[in-house]
N, C-alpha and C. Protein backbone atom coordinates (compact mmCIF):
# COMPACT_ATOMS: atom_id res chain seq x y z
N UNK A 1 133.41 234.46 53.22
CA UNK A 1 134.34 236.00 53.00
C UNK A 1 134.34 236.73 54.63
N UNK A 2 133.43 236.66 54.86
CA UNK A 2 133.25 238.05 55.92
C UNK A 2 133.92 236.66 57.19
N UNK A 3 133.67 235.80 57.61
CA UNK A 3 133.68 234.77 58.40
C UNK A 3 135.80 234.01 58.24
N UNK A 4 135.83 234.03 57.11
CA UNK A 4 137.03 233.73 57.12
C UNK A 4 138.33 234.29 57.61
N UNK A 5 139.47 234.30 57.29
CA UNK A 5 140.84 235.01 57.25
C UNK A 5 140.91 235.62 55.93
N UNK A 6 141.52 236.53 55.88
CA UNK A 6 141.76 237.10 54.56
C UNK A 6 143.40 237.72 54.90
N UNK A 7 144.03 237.31 53.80
CA UNK A 7 145.55 237.29 53.85
C UNK A 7 145.73 238.01 52.35
N UNK A 8 146.93 239.03 52.01
CA UNK A 8 147.03 239.82 50.88
C UNK A 8 149.23 239.01 50.63
N UNK A 9 149.17 238.74 49.81
CA UNK A 9 150.23 238.42 48.96
C UNK A 9 150.88 238.95 48.28
N UNK A 10 151.56 239.76 47.83
CA UNK A 10 152.35 239.89 46.55
C UNK A 10 150.89 240.40 45.53
N UNK A 11 150.35 241.08 46.02
CA UNK A 11 149.25 241.71 45.50
C UNK A 11 147.66 240.85 45.76
N UNK A 12 148.12 239.66 45.60
CA UNK A 12 146.98 238.62 45.30
C UNK A 12 146.06 238.84 47.02
N UNK A 13 144.88 238.43 46.78
CA UNK A 13 144.13 238.60 48.21
C UNK A 13 143.70 237.00 48.25
N UNK A 14 143.49 236.53 49.60
CA UNK A 14 143.38 235.45 49.63
C UNK A 14 142.19 235.27 50.84
N UNK A 15 141.24 234.49 50.42
CA UNK A 15 139.95 234.50 51.56
C UNK A 15 139.96 233.11 51.99
N UNK A 16 140.46 232.88 53.21
CA UNK A 16 140.60 230.99 53.61
C UNK A 16 139.36 230.70 54.88
N UNK A 17 139.24 229.61 54.80
CA UNK A 17 138.25 229.19 55.86
C UNK A 17 138.64 227.66 55.73
N UNK A 18 139.07 227.30 56.85
CA UNK A 18 139.35 225.95 57.09
C UNK A 18 137.88 225.20 57.47
N UNK A 19 137.89 223.85 56.96
CA UNK A 19 136.82 223.03 57.45
C UNK A 19 137.59 221.74 58.13
N UNK A 20 136.65 220.86 58.85
CA UNK A 20 137.09 219.40 59.32
C UNK A 20 137.55 218.31 58.74
N UNK A 21 136.95 218.47 57.22
CA UNK A 21 137.30 217.41 56.35
C UNK A 21 136.77 217.81 55.03
N UNK A 22 137.68 216.64 53.90
CA UNK A 22 137.52 217.29 52.79
C UNK A 22 138.54 217.64 51.88
N UNK A 23 138.60 218.17 51.00
CA UNK A 23 140.01 218.70 50.14
C UNK A 23 139.88 220.11 50.13
N UNK A 24 140.66 220.60 49.06
CA UNK A 24 140.32 222.08 49.32
C UNK A 24 139.57 222.33 48.31
N UNK A 25 139.17 223.26 48.42
CA UNK A 25 138.03 224.20 47.10
C UNK A 25 138.29 225.48 47.05
N UNK A 26 138.29 225.86 45.83
CA UNK A 26 139.02 227.02 45.27
C UNK A 26 137.51 227.73 44.64
N UNK A 27 137.92 228.90 44.66
CA UNK A 27 136.89 230.20 44.46
C UNK A 27 137.66 231.38 43.66
N UNK A 28 137.12 231.69 42.15
CA UNK A 28 137.91 232.77 41.88
C UNK A 28 137.33 233.84 41.57
N UNK A 29 137.70 235.31 41.76
CA UNK A 29 136.91 236.57 41.84
C UNK A 29 138.41 237.08 40.92
N UNK A 30 137.41 237.30 39.61
CA UNK A 30 138.03 237.80 38.35
C UNK A 30 136.96 238.80 38.26
N UNK A 31 136.93 239.98 37.90
CA UNK A 31 135.92 241.15 37.44
C UNK A 31 137.28 241.98 35.85
N UNK A 32 136.02 242.71 35.33
CA UNK A 32 136.24 243.49 34.06
C UNK A 32 137.64 244.44 34.27
N UNK A 33 137.75 244.89 35.72
CA UNK A 33 138.88 245.90 36.49
C UNK A 33 140.16 244.86 36.33
N UNK A 34 140.00 243.62 36.32
CA UNK A 34 141.53 242.72 36.19
C UNK A 34 142.09 242.96 34.89
N UNK A 35 140.52 242.72 33.74
CA UNK A 35 141.28 242.51 32.08
C UNK A 35 139.67 243.23 32.15
N UNK A 36 139.53 243.69 30.51
CA UNK A 36 138.80 244.33 30.29
C UNK A 36 138.26 243.03 29.13
N UNK A 37 139.06 242.90 28.12
CA UNK A 37 138.29 241.32 27.63
C UNK A 37 138.30 239.96 28.23
N UNK A 38 137.19 239.56 28.01
CA UNK A 38 136.63 238.27 28.16
C UNK A 38 138.25 237.26 28.20
N UNK A 39 138.64 237.38 26.70
CA UNK A 39 139.65 235.84 26.74
C UNK A 39 140.87 236.49 27.58
N UNK A 40 140.97 237.65 27.79
CA UNK A 40 142.02 237.60 29.41
C UNK A 40 141.58 236.94 30.77
N UNK A 41 140.23 237.51 31.00
CA UNK A 41 139.97 236.80 32.33
C UNK A 41 139.64 235.30 32.29
N UNK A 42 139.71 235.11 31.18
CA UNK A 42 139.59 233.32 31.35
C UNK A 42 140.77 232.63 31.17
N UNK A 43 141.71 233.71 31.02
CA UNK A 43 143.39 232.81 30.85
C UNK A 43 143.91 233.40 32.41
N UNK A 44 143.45 234.47 32.85
CA UNK A 44 143.74 234.46 34.35
C UNK A 44 143.03 233.48 34.96
N UNK A 45 141.96 232.90 35.04
CA UNK A 45 141.23 231.97 35.31
C UNK A 45 142.26 231.18 35.27
N UNK A 46 142.28 230.72 34.32
CA UNK A 46 142.83 229.14 34.22
C UNK A 46 144.14 228.96 34.69
N UNK A 47 145.10 230.16 34.94
CA UNK A 47 146.46 230.03 35.35
C UNK A 47 146.45 229.82 37.05
N UNK A 48 144.84 230.18 37.63
CA UNK A 48 144.69 230.31 39.09
C UNK A 48 144.31 228.50 39.57
N UNK A 49 143.45 228.37 38.28
CA UNK A 49 143.03 226.75 38.50
C UNK A 49 144.16 225.74 38.04
N UNK A 50 145.21 226.16 37.67
CA UNK A 50 146.09 225.25 37.18
C UNK A 50 147.00 225.01 38.54
N UNK A 51 147.28 226.55 39.01
CA UNK A 51 148.00 226.76 39.88
C UNK A 51 147.35 225.64 41.50
N UNK A 52 146.21 225.98 41.21
CA UNK A 52 145.60 225.68 42.59
C UNK A 52 145.72 223.93 41.91
N UNK A 53 145.60 223.49 41.18
CA UNK A 53 145.32 222.39 41.00
C UNK A 53 146.28 221.17 41.71
N UNK A 54 147.82 222.02 41.23
CA UNK A 54 148.90 221.34 41.50
C UNK A 54 149.78 221.72 43.09
N UNK A 55 148.97 222.35 43.86
CA UNK A 55 148.87 222.87 45.12
C UNK A 55 148.14 222.19 46.01
N UNK A 56 146.96 221.76 45.52
CA UNK A 56 145.61 221.03 46.58
C UNK A 56 145.98 220.20 47.55
N UNK A 57 146.16 219.03 47.19
CA UNK A 57 147.18 218.82 47.86
C UNK A 57 147.57 218.52 49.42
N UNK A 58 148.79 219.87 49.06
CA UNK A 58 149.20 220.51 50.89
C UNK A 58 148.45 221.16 51.42
N UNK A 59 147.37 221.87 50.80
CA UNK A 59 146.56 223.10 51.40
C UNK A 59 146.05 222.15 52.31
N UNK A 60 145.23 220.95 52.21
CA UNK A 60 143.88 220.40 53.21
C UNK A 60 142.58 220.55 52.83
N UNK A 61 142.06 220.61 53.87
CA UNK A 61 141.06 220.79 54.10
C UNK A 61 140.50 222.22 54.05
N UNK A 62 140.35 223.46 53.58
CA UNK A 62 140.52 224.41 53.13
C UNK A 62 139.34 225.30 52.11
N UNK A 63 138.84 226.53 52.08
CA UNK A 63 137.93 226.83 50.87
C UNK A 63 138.77 228.06 50.78
N UNK A 64 139.38 228.24 49.51
CA UNK A 64 139.87 229.56 49.11
C UNK A 64 139.43 230.15 48.12
N UNK A 65 139.18 231.45 48.21
CA UNK A 65 138.82 232.58 47.37
C UNK A 65 140.20 233.32 46.86
N UNK A 66 140.60 233.20 45.58
CA UNK A 66 141.39 233.90 45.16
C UNK A 66 141.02 235.46 44.57
N UNK A 67 141.74 236.40 44.78
CA UNK A 67 141.20 237.66 43.70
C UNK A 67 142.60 238.18 43.39
N UNK A 68 143.25 238.32 42.30
CA UNK A 68 144.17 238.72 41.91
C UNK A 68 144.31 240.17 41.81
N UNK A 69 145.59 240.58 41.26
CA UNK A 69 146.05 242.30 41.32
C UNK A 69 145.35 242.42 39.86
N UNK A 70 144.89 243.73 40.26
CA UNK A 70 144.72 244.67 38.81
C UNK A 70 145.56 244.85 37.98
N UNK A 71 145.14 244.50 36.52
CA UNK A 71 146.23 244.52 35.47
C UNK A 71 147.55 243.39 35.57
N UNK A 72 147.24 242.35 35.98
CA UNK A 72 147.86 241.23 36.14
C UNK A 72 147.76 240.50 34.17
N UNK A 73 149.11 239.99 34.00
CA UNK A 73 148.71 239.43 32.80
C UNK A 73 149.36 237.83 33.35
N UNK A 74 148.28 237.06 32.13
CA UNK A 74 148.66 235.44 32.62
C UNK A 74 149.34 235.14 31.71
N UNK A 75 150.69 233.94 32.44
CA UNK A 75 151.75 234.03 32.21
C UNK A 75 152.30 232.57 32.83
N UNK A 76 153.27 231.98 32.44
CA UNK A 76 153.85 231.04 32.98
C UNK A 76 154.72 231.57 34.37
N UNK A 77 155.22 232.70 34.55
CA UNK A 77 155.77 233.46 35.76
C UNK A 77 154.49 233.74 36.98
N UNK A 78 153.59 234.08 36.10
CA UNK A 78 152.43 234.23 37.29
C UNK A 78 151.91 232.79 37.67
N UNK A 79 152.11 231.62 36.96
CA UNK A 79 151.81 230.39 37.33
C UNK A 79 152.61 230.13 38.55
N UNK A 80 153.80 230.60 38.19
CA UNK A 80 154.99 229.80 39.01
C UNK A 80 154.77 230.73 40.46
N UNK A 81 154.63 231.98 40.84
CA UNK A 81 154.78 232.87 41.53
C UNK A 81 153.13 232.42 42.72
N UNK A 82 152.20 232.15 42.04
CA UNK A 82 150.92 231.71 42.52
C UNK A 82 150.69 230.57 43.03
N UNK A 83 151.84 229.27 42.71
CA UNK A 83 152.28 228.19 43.03
C UNK A 83 153.21 228.44 44.76
N UNK A 84 154.04 229.18 44.70
CA UNK A 84 154.46 229.56 45.66
C UNK A 84 153.82 230.41 47.09
N UNK A 85 152.86 231.32 46.30
CA UNK A 85 151.59 232.08 47.48
C UNK A 85 150.69 231.23 47.93
N UNK A 86 150.27 229.98 47.49
CA UNK A 86 149.41 228.89 47.74
C UNK A 86 150.33 228.12 48.59
N UNK A 87 151.58 227.66 48.48
CA UNK A 87 152.24 226.91 49.50
C UNK A 87 152.69 228.05 50.65
N UNK A 88 152.66 229.00 50.60
CA UNK A 88 152.76 229.83 51.82
C UNK A 88 151.57 229.83 52.82
N UNK A 89 150.10 229.80 51.94
CA UNK A 89 149.21 230.09 52.95
C UNK A 89 148.64 228.84 54.11
N UNK A 90 149.32 227.47 53.77
CA UNK A 90 149.23 226.43 54.55
C UNK A 90 149.99 226.80 55.95
N UNK A 91 151.27 227.39 55.77
CA UNK A 91 152.05 228.07 56.63
C UNK A 91 151.55 228.95 58.49
């Protein structure tokens, strides 16, 4: 997190670190400030993982740490928006 690039898009914060080889790797930062209940935090993490899974081929060799905005609700629209944002990270 200290040495990589940080980008904020639509309330999400992405910490990026390029690597020489390999596939994309994901880190997720979701705390109780994001959602008080563990069930909600886990749903948020599932949405992030699914969006990453669908976009990881296009990302290349990069480590990505995702911190969603506080108060986000897991939904299909969240998944679509996150996929768009992950696509923008590559450019």
